[in-house]
């Protein structure tokens, strides 16, 4: 009888608890970048790991966030509600845009409304000025009314 005398080394992305007979893969939300470990580590806030056997966690990209540790996926900021990620990478939260700005999908920075458009509250888009109104400049929260005896089409930027 030949008994096994060499212990198997658990590689990166795996672990073995004391007394275990086999290496196990790290579960989603956890990783292990060093061989011969007894456990996996949770992903830090702002990072996620969607797969089994991860050797590292990936930073959340612009427009996404991970508020806590050990998450398997980053969540998308609700850009339609005027929210962008607080950082361009590894964000742990979202930030709300101010009136006069909009949140582009997948963005980490609010953008000023263009001429001829306004935003009165946090939003994912700016609204065009109505017929007979104009919006001169960027970042506006209200349109101006055309002087008496004049009119303009929808979304006009100057009188």
C-alpha atoms as a PDB file:
ATOM      1  CA  UNK A   1       0.000   0.000   0.000  1.00  0.00           C
ATOM      2  CA  UNK A   2       1.286   3.398  -0.964  1.00  0.00           C
ATOM      3  CA  UNK A   3      -0.294   6.256   0.988  1.00  0.00           C
ATOM      4  CA  UNK A   4      -0.259   9.832  -0.290  1.00  0.00           C
ATOM      5  CA  UNK A   5       2.402  11.716   1.581  1.00  0.00           C
ATOM      6  CA  UNK A   6       2.435  15.060  -0.263  1.00  0.00           C
ATOM      7  CA  UNK A   7      -0.146  17.705   0.509  1.00  0.00           C
ATOM      8  CA  UNK A   8      -1.764  19.353  -2.489  1.00  0.00           C
ATOM      9  CA  UNK A   9      -1.252  23.113  -2.763  1.00  0.00           C
ATOM     10  CA  UNK A  10      -4.396  25.122  -3.359  1.00  0.00           C
ATOM     11  CA  UNK A  11      -3.682  27.680  -6.070  1.00  0.00           C
ATOM     12  CA  UNK A  12      -4.908  31.242  -6.468  1.00  0.00           C
ATOM     13  CA  UNK A  13      -8.681  31.575  -6.644  1.00  0.00           C
ATOM     14  CA  UNK A  14      -9.058  28.601  -4.286  1.00  0.00           C
ATOM     15  CA  UNK A  15      -8.705  27.757  -0.592  1.00  0.00           C
ATOM     16  CA  UNK A  16      -8.800  24.787   1.800  1.00  0.00           C
ATOM     17  CA  UNK A  17      -9.853  24.877   5.439  1.00  0.00           C
ATOM     18  CA  UNK A  18      -7.816  22.803   7.929  1.00  0.00           C
ATOM     19  CA  UNK A  19      -8.698  19.119   7.508  1.00  0.00           C
ATOM     20  CA  UNK A  20     -10.258  19.589   4.067  1.00  0.00           C
ATOM     21  CA  UNK A  21      -9.611  16.896   1.490  1.00  0.00           C
ATOM     22  CA  UNK A  22      -9.893  19.148  -1.558  1.00  0.00           C
ATOM     23  CA  UNK A  23      -9.421  22.758  -2.584  1.00  0.00           C
ATOM     24  CA  UNK A  24     -12.575  24.847  -3.089  1.00  0.00           C
ATOM     25  CA  UNK A  25     -13.103  27.774  -5.461  1.00  0.00           C
ATOM     26  CA  UNK A  26     -13.808  31.197  -4.016  1.00  0.00           C
ATOM     27  CA  UNK A  27     -17.490  32.105  -4.342  1.00  0.00           C
ATOM     28  CA  UNK A  28     -18.717  35.212  -6.223  1.00  0.00           C
ATOM     29  CA  UNK A  29     -17.988  38.369  -4.219  1.00  0.00           C
ATOM     30  CA  UNK A  30     -14.760  36.868  -2.881  1.00  0.00           C
ATOM     31  CA  UNK A  31     -11.243  36.294  -4.223  1.00  0.00           C
ATOM     32  CA  UNK A  32      -7.875  34.830  -3.330  1.00  0.00           C
ATOM     33  CA  UNK A  33      -4.728  36.084  -5.025  1.00  0.00           C
ATOM     34  CA  UNK A  34      -2.269  34.016  -2.980  1.00  0.00           C
ATOM     35  CA  UNK A  35      -1.815  30.217  -3.043  1.00  0.00           C
ATOM     36  CA  UNK A  36      -1.998  27.987   0.073  1.00  0.00           C
ATOM     37  CA  UNK A  37      -4.729  29.949   1.893  1.00  0.00           C
ATOM     38  CA  UNK A  38      -7.418  28.790   4.330  1.00  0.00           C
ATOM     39  CA  UNK A  39     -10.107  31.234   3.119  1.00  0.00           C
ATOM     40  CA  UNK A  40     -11.052  33.739   0.461  1.00  0.00           C
ATOM     41  CA  UNK A  41     -11.222  37.495   0.971  1.00  0.00           C
ATOM     42  CA  UNK A  42     -14.338  39.622   0.339  1.00  0.00           C
ATOM     43  CA  UNK A  43     -14.146  42.227  -2.397  1.00  0.00           C
ATOM     44  CA  UNK A  44     -13.665  45.754  -1.043  1.00  0.00           C
ATOM     45  CA  UNK A  45     -16.449  48.347  -1.430  1.00  0.00           C
ATOM     46  CA  UNK A  46     -16.319  49.746  -4.986  1.00  0.00           C
ATOM     47  CA  UNK A  47     -15.224  46.352  -6.349  1.00  0.00           C
ATOM     48  CA  UNK A  48     -17.025  43.142  -7.324  1.00  0.00           C
ATOM     49  CA  UNK A  49     -16.317  39.593  -8.451  1.00  0.00           C
ATOM     50  CA  UNK A  50     -19.077  37.856 -10.447  1.00  0.00           C
ATOM     51  CA  UNK A  51     -17.470  34.442 -10.907  1.00  0.00           C
ATOM     52  CA  UNK A  52     -16.249  31.449  -8.912  1.00  0.00           C
ATOM     53  CA  UNK A  53     -12.493  31.117  -8.430  1.00  0.00           C
ATOM     54  CA  UNK A  54     -11.660  34.812  -8.746  1.00  0.00           C
ATOM     55  CA  UNK A  55      -8.054  35.838  -8.199  1.00  0.00           C
ATOM     56  CA  UNK A  56      -8.930  39.547  -7.905  1.00  0.00           C
ATOM     57  CA  UNK A  57     -11.979  41.778  -7.805  1.00  0.00           C
ATOM     58  CA  UNK A  58     -12.768  44.258 -10.580  1.00  0.00           C
ATOM     59  CA  UNK A  59     -13.349  47.961  -9.900  1.00  0.00           C
ATOM     60  CA  UNK A  60     -16.842  49.232 -10.675  1.00  0.00           C
ATOM     61  CA  UNK A  61     -16.737  51.309 -13.869  1.00  0.00           C
ATOM     62  CA  UNK A  62     -18.181  54.803 -14.381  1.00  0.00           C
ATOM     63  CA  UNK A  63     -21.939  54.845 -13.786  1.00  0.00           C
ATOM     64  CA  UNK A  64     -21.813  51.847 -11.429  1.00  0.00           C
ATOM     65  CA  UNK A  65     -21.182  51.419  -7.697  1.00  0.00           C
ATOM     66  CA  UNK A  66     -20.754  48.779  -4.976  1.00  0.00           C
ATOM     67  CA  UNK A  67     -21.696  50.174  -1.548  1.00  0.00           C
ATOM     68  CA  UNK A  68     -20.446  47.286   0.561  1.00  0.00           C
ATOM     69  CA  UNK A  69     -17.802  44.586   0.518  1.00  0.00           C
ATOM     70  CA  UNK A  70     -18.221  41.039  -0.751  1.00  0.00           C
ATOM     71  CA  UNK A  71     -20.501  41.872  -3.683  1.00  0.00           C
ATOM     72  CA  UNK A  72     -20.694  39.793  -6.840  1.00  0.00           C
ATOM     73  CA  UNK A  73     -21.837  42.691  -9.060  1.00  0.00           C
ATOM     74  CA  UNK A  74     -21.767  46.470  -9.223  1.00  0.00           C
ATOM     75  CA  UNK A  75     -25.127  48.264  -9.378  1.00  0.00           C
ATOM     76  CA  UNK A  76     -25.951  50.888 -11.996  1.00  0.00           C
ATOM     77  CA  UNK A  77     -26.598  54.441 -10.811  1.00  0.00           C
ATOM     78  CA  UNK A  78     -30.150  55.506 -11.721  1.00  0.00           C
ATOM     79  CA  UNK A  79     -29.137  58.035 -14.394  1.00  0.00           C
ATOM     80  CA  UNK A  80     -32.789  58.634 -15.349  1.00  0.00           C
ATOM     81  CA  UNK A  81     -33.228  59.982 -11.810  1.00  0.00           C
ATOM     82  CA  UNK A  82     -30.194  62.250 -12.193  1.00  0.00           C
ATOM     83  CA  UNK A  83     -27.638  60.015 -10.479  1.00  0.00           C
ATOM     84  CA  UNK A  84     -24.014  59.453 -11.556  1.00  0.00           C
ATOM     85  CA  UNK A  85     -21.272  57.434  -9.854  1.00  0.00           C
ATOM     86  CA  UNK A  86     -19.373  59.464  -7.275  1.00  0.00           C
ATOM     87  CA  UNK A  87     -16.036  58.400  -8.833  1.00  0.00           C
ATOM     88  CA  UNK A  88     -14.958  57.369 -12.349  1.00  0.00           C
ATOM     89  CA  UNK A  89     -13.792  53.987 -10.969  1.00  0.00           C
ATOM     90  CA  UNK A  90     -14.375  51.928  -7.793  1.00  0.00           C
ATOM     91  CA  UNK A  91     -17.278  54.086  -6.629  1.00  0.00           C
ATOM     92  CA  UNK A  92     -19.142  53.157  -3.449  1.00  0.00           C
ATOM     93  CA  UNK A  93     -22.083  55.525  -4.054  1.00  0.00           C
ATOM     94  CA  UNK A  94     -23.918  57.688  -6.549  1.00  0.00           C
ATOM     95  CA  UNK A  95     -24.193  61.484  -6.581  1.00  0.00           C
ATOM     96  CA  UNK A  96     -27.248  63.463  -7.594  1.00  0.00           C
ATOM     97  CA  UNK A  97     -27.001  66.105 -10.298  1.00  0.00           C
ATOM     98  CA  UNK A  98     -28.171  69.654  -9.596  1.00  0.00           C
ATOM     99  CA  UNK A  99     -30.887  71.555 -11.461  1.00  0.00           C
ATOM    100  CA  UNK A 100     -29.458  72.787 -14.773  1.00  0.00           C
ATOM    101  CA  UNK A 101     -27.534  69.508 -15.209  1.00  0.00           C
ATOM    102  CA  UNK A 102     -28.315  66.007 -16.407  1.00  0.00           C
ATOM    103  CA  UNK A 103     -26.850  62.564 -15.719  1.00  0.00           C
ATOM    104  CA  UNK A 104     -25.571  60.754 -18.812  1.00  0.00           C
ATOM    105  CA  UNK A 105     -25.962  56.969 -18.764  1.00  0.00           C
ATOM    106  CA  UNK A 106     -22.788  55.346 -17.459  1.00  0.00           C
ATOM    107  CA  UNK A 107     -21.428  58.689 -16.322  1.00  0.00           C
ATOM    108  CA  UNK A 108     -19.415  59.783 -13.327  1.00  0.00           C
ATOM    109  CA  UNK A 109     -19.942  63.517 -13.877  1.00  0.00           C
ATOM    110  CA  UNK A 110     -23.074  65.603 -14.315  1.00  0.00           C
ATOM    111  CA  UNK A 111     -23.269  67.588 -17.567  1.00  0.00           C
ATOM    112  CA  UNK A 112     -24.661  71.123 -17.962  1.00  0.00           C
ATOM    113  CA  UNK A 113     -27.823  71.400 -20.049  1.00  0.00           C
ATOM    114  CA  UNK A 114     -27.087  72.805 -23.512  1.00  0.00           C
ATOM    115  CA  UNK A 115     -28.551  76.077 -24.778  1.00  0.00           C
ATOM    116  CA  UNK A 116     -32.259  75.807 -25.511  1.00  0.00           C
ATOM    117  CA  UNK A 117     -32.785  73.168 -22.808  1.00  0.00           C
ATOM    118  CA  UNK A 118     -33.412  73.208 -19.045  1.00  0.00           C
ATOM    119  CA  UNK A 119     -33.480  70.932 -16.033  1.00  0.00           C
ATOM    120  CA  UNK A 120     -35.459  71.981 -12.971  1.00  0.00           C
ATOM    121  CA  UNK A 121     -34.633  68.853 -10.951  1.00  0.00           C
ATOM    122  CA  UNK A 122     -32.221  65.912 -11.041  1.00  0.00           C
ATOM    123  CA  UNK A 123     -32.798  64.092 -14.319  1.00  0.00           C
ATOM    124  CA  UNK A 124     -31.270  61.914 -16.987  1.00  0.00           C
ATOM    125  CA  UNK A 125     -32.008  64.490 -19.674  1.00  0.00           C
ATOM    126  CA  UNK A 126     -32.702  68.181 -20.182  1.00  0.00           C
ATOM    127  CA  UNK A 127     -36.034  69.337 -21.582  1.00  0.00           C
ATOM    128  CA  UNK A 128     -36.263  71.695 -24.578  1.00  0.00           C
ATOM    129  CA  UNK A 129     -37.682  75.178 -24.089  1.00  0.00           C
ATOM    130  CA  UNK A 130     -41.273  75.444 -25.304  1.00  0.00           C
ATOM    131  CA  UNK A 131     -42.475  77.362 -28.360  1.00  0.00           C
ATOM    132  CA  UNK A 132     -42.238  81.093 -27.598  1.00  0.00           C
ATOM    133  CA  UNK A 133     -39.397  80.578 -25.086  1.00  0.00           C
ATOM    134  CA  UNK A 134     -35.629  80.380 -25.337  1.00  0.00           C
ATOM    135  CA  UNK A 135     -32.699  79.283 -23.195  1.00  0.00           C
ATOM    136  CA  UNK A 136     -29.555  81.313 -23.775  1.00  0.00           C
ATOM    137  CA  UNK A 137     -26.488  79.691 -22.233  1.00  0.00           C
ATOM    138  CA  UNK A 138     -25.740  76.377 -20.514  1.00  0.00           C
ATOM    139  CA  UNK A 139     -26.896  74.970 -17.182  1.00  0.00           C
ATOM    140  CA  UNK A 140     -30.273  76.710 -17.160  1.00  0.00           C
ATOM    141  CA  UNK A 141     -33.156  75.897 -14.844  1.00  0.00           C
ATOM    142  CA  UNK A 142     -35.768  78.055 -16.629  1.00  0.00           C
ATOM    143  CA  UNK A 143     -36.470  79.341 -20.128  1.00  0.00           C
ATOM    144  CA  UNK A 144     -37.075  83.014 -20.894  1.00  0.00           C
ATOM    145  CA  UNK A 145     -40.193  84.214 -22.678  1.00  0.00           C
ATOM    146  CA  UNK A 146     -39.770  85.819 -26.086  1.00  0.00           C
ATOM    147  CA  UNK A 147     -40.403  89.566 -26.201  1.00  0.00           C
ATOM    148  CA  UNK A 148     -43.859  90.708 -27.326  1.00  0.00           C
ATOM    149  CA  UNK A 149     -44.386  90.389 -31.047  1.00  0.00           C
ATOM    150  CA  UNK A 150     -41.779  87.577 -31.429  1.00  0.00           C
ATOM    151  CA  UNK A 151     -41.792  83.788 -31.216  1.00  0.00           C
ATOM    152  CA  UNK A 152     -39.372  80.882 -31.521  1.00  0.00           C
ATOM    153  CA  UNK A 153     -39.576  77.177 -32.152  1.00  0.00           C
ATOM    154  CA  UNK A 154     -39.093  74.451 -29.555  1.00  0.00           C
ATOM    155  CA  UNK A 155     -35.590  74.227 -28.062  1.00  0.00           C
ATOM    156  CA  UNK A 156     -34.362  77.647 -29.187  1.00  0.00           C
ATOM    157  CA  UNK A 157     -31.124  78.899 -27.660  1.00  0.00           C
ATOM    158  CA  UNK A 158     -31.444  82.632 -28.374  1.00  0.00           C
ATOM    159  CA  UNK A 159     -34.157  85.226 -29.039  1.00  0.00           C
END
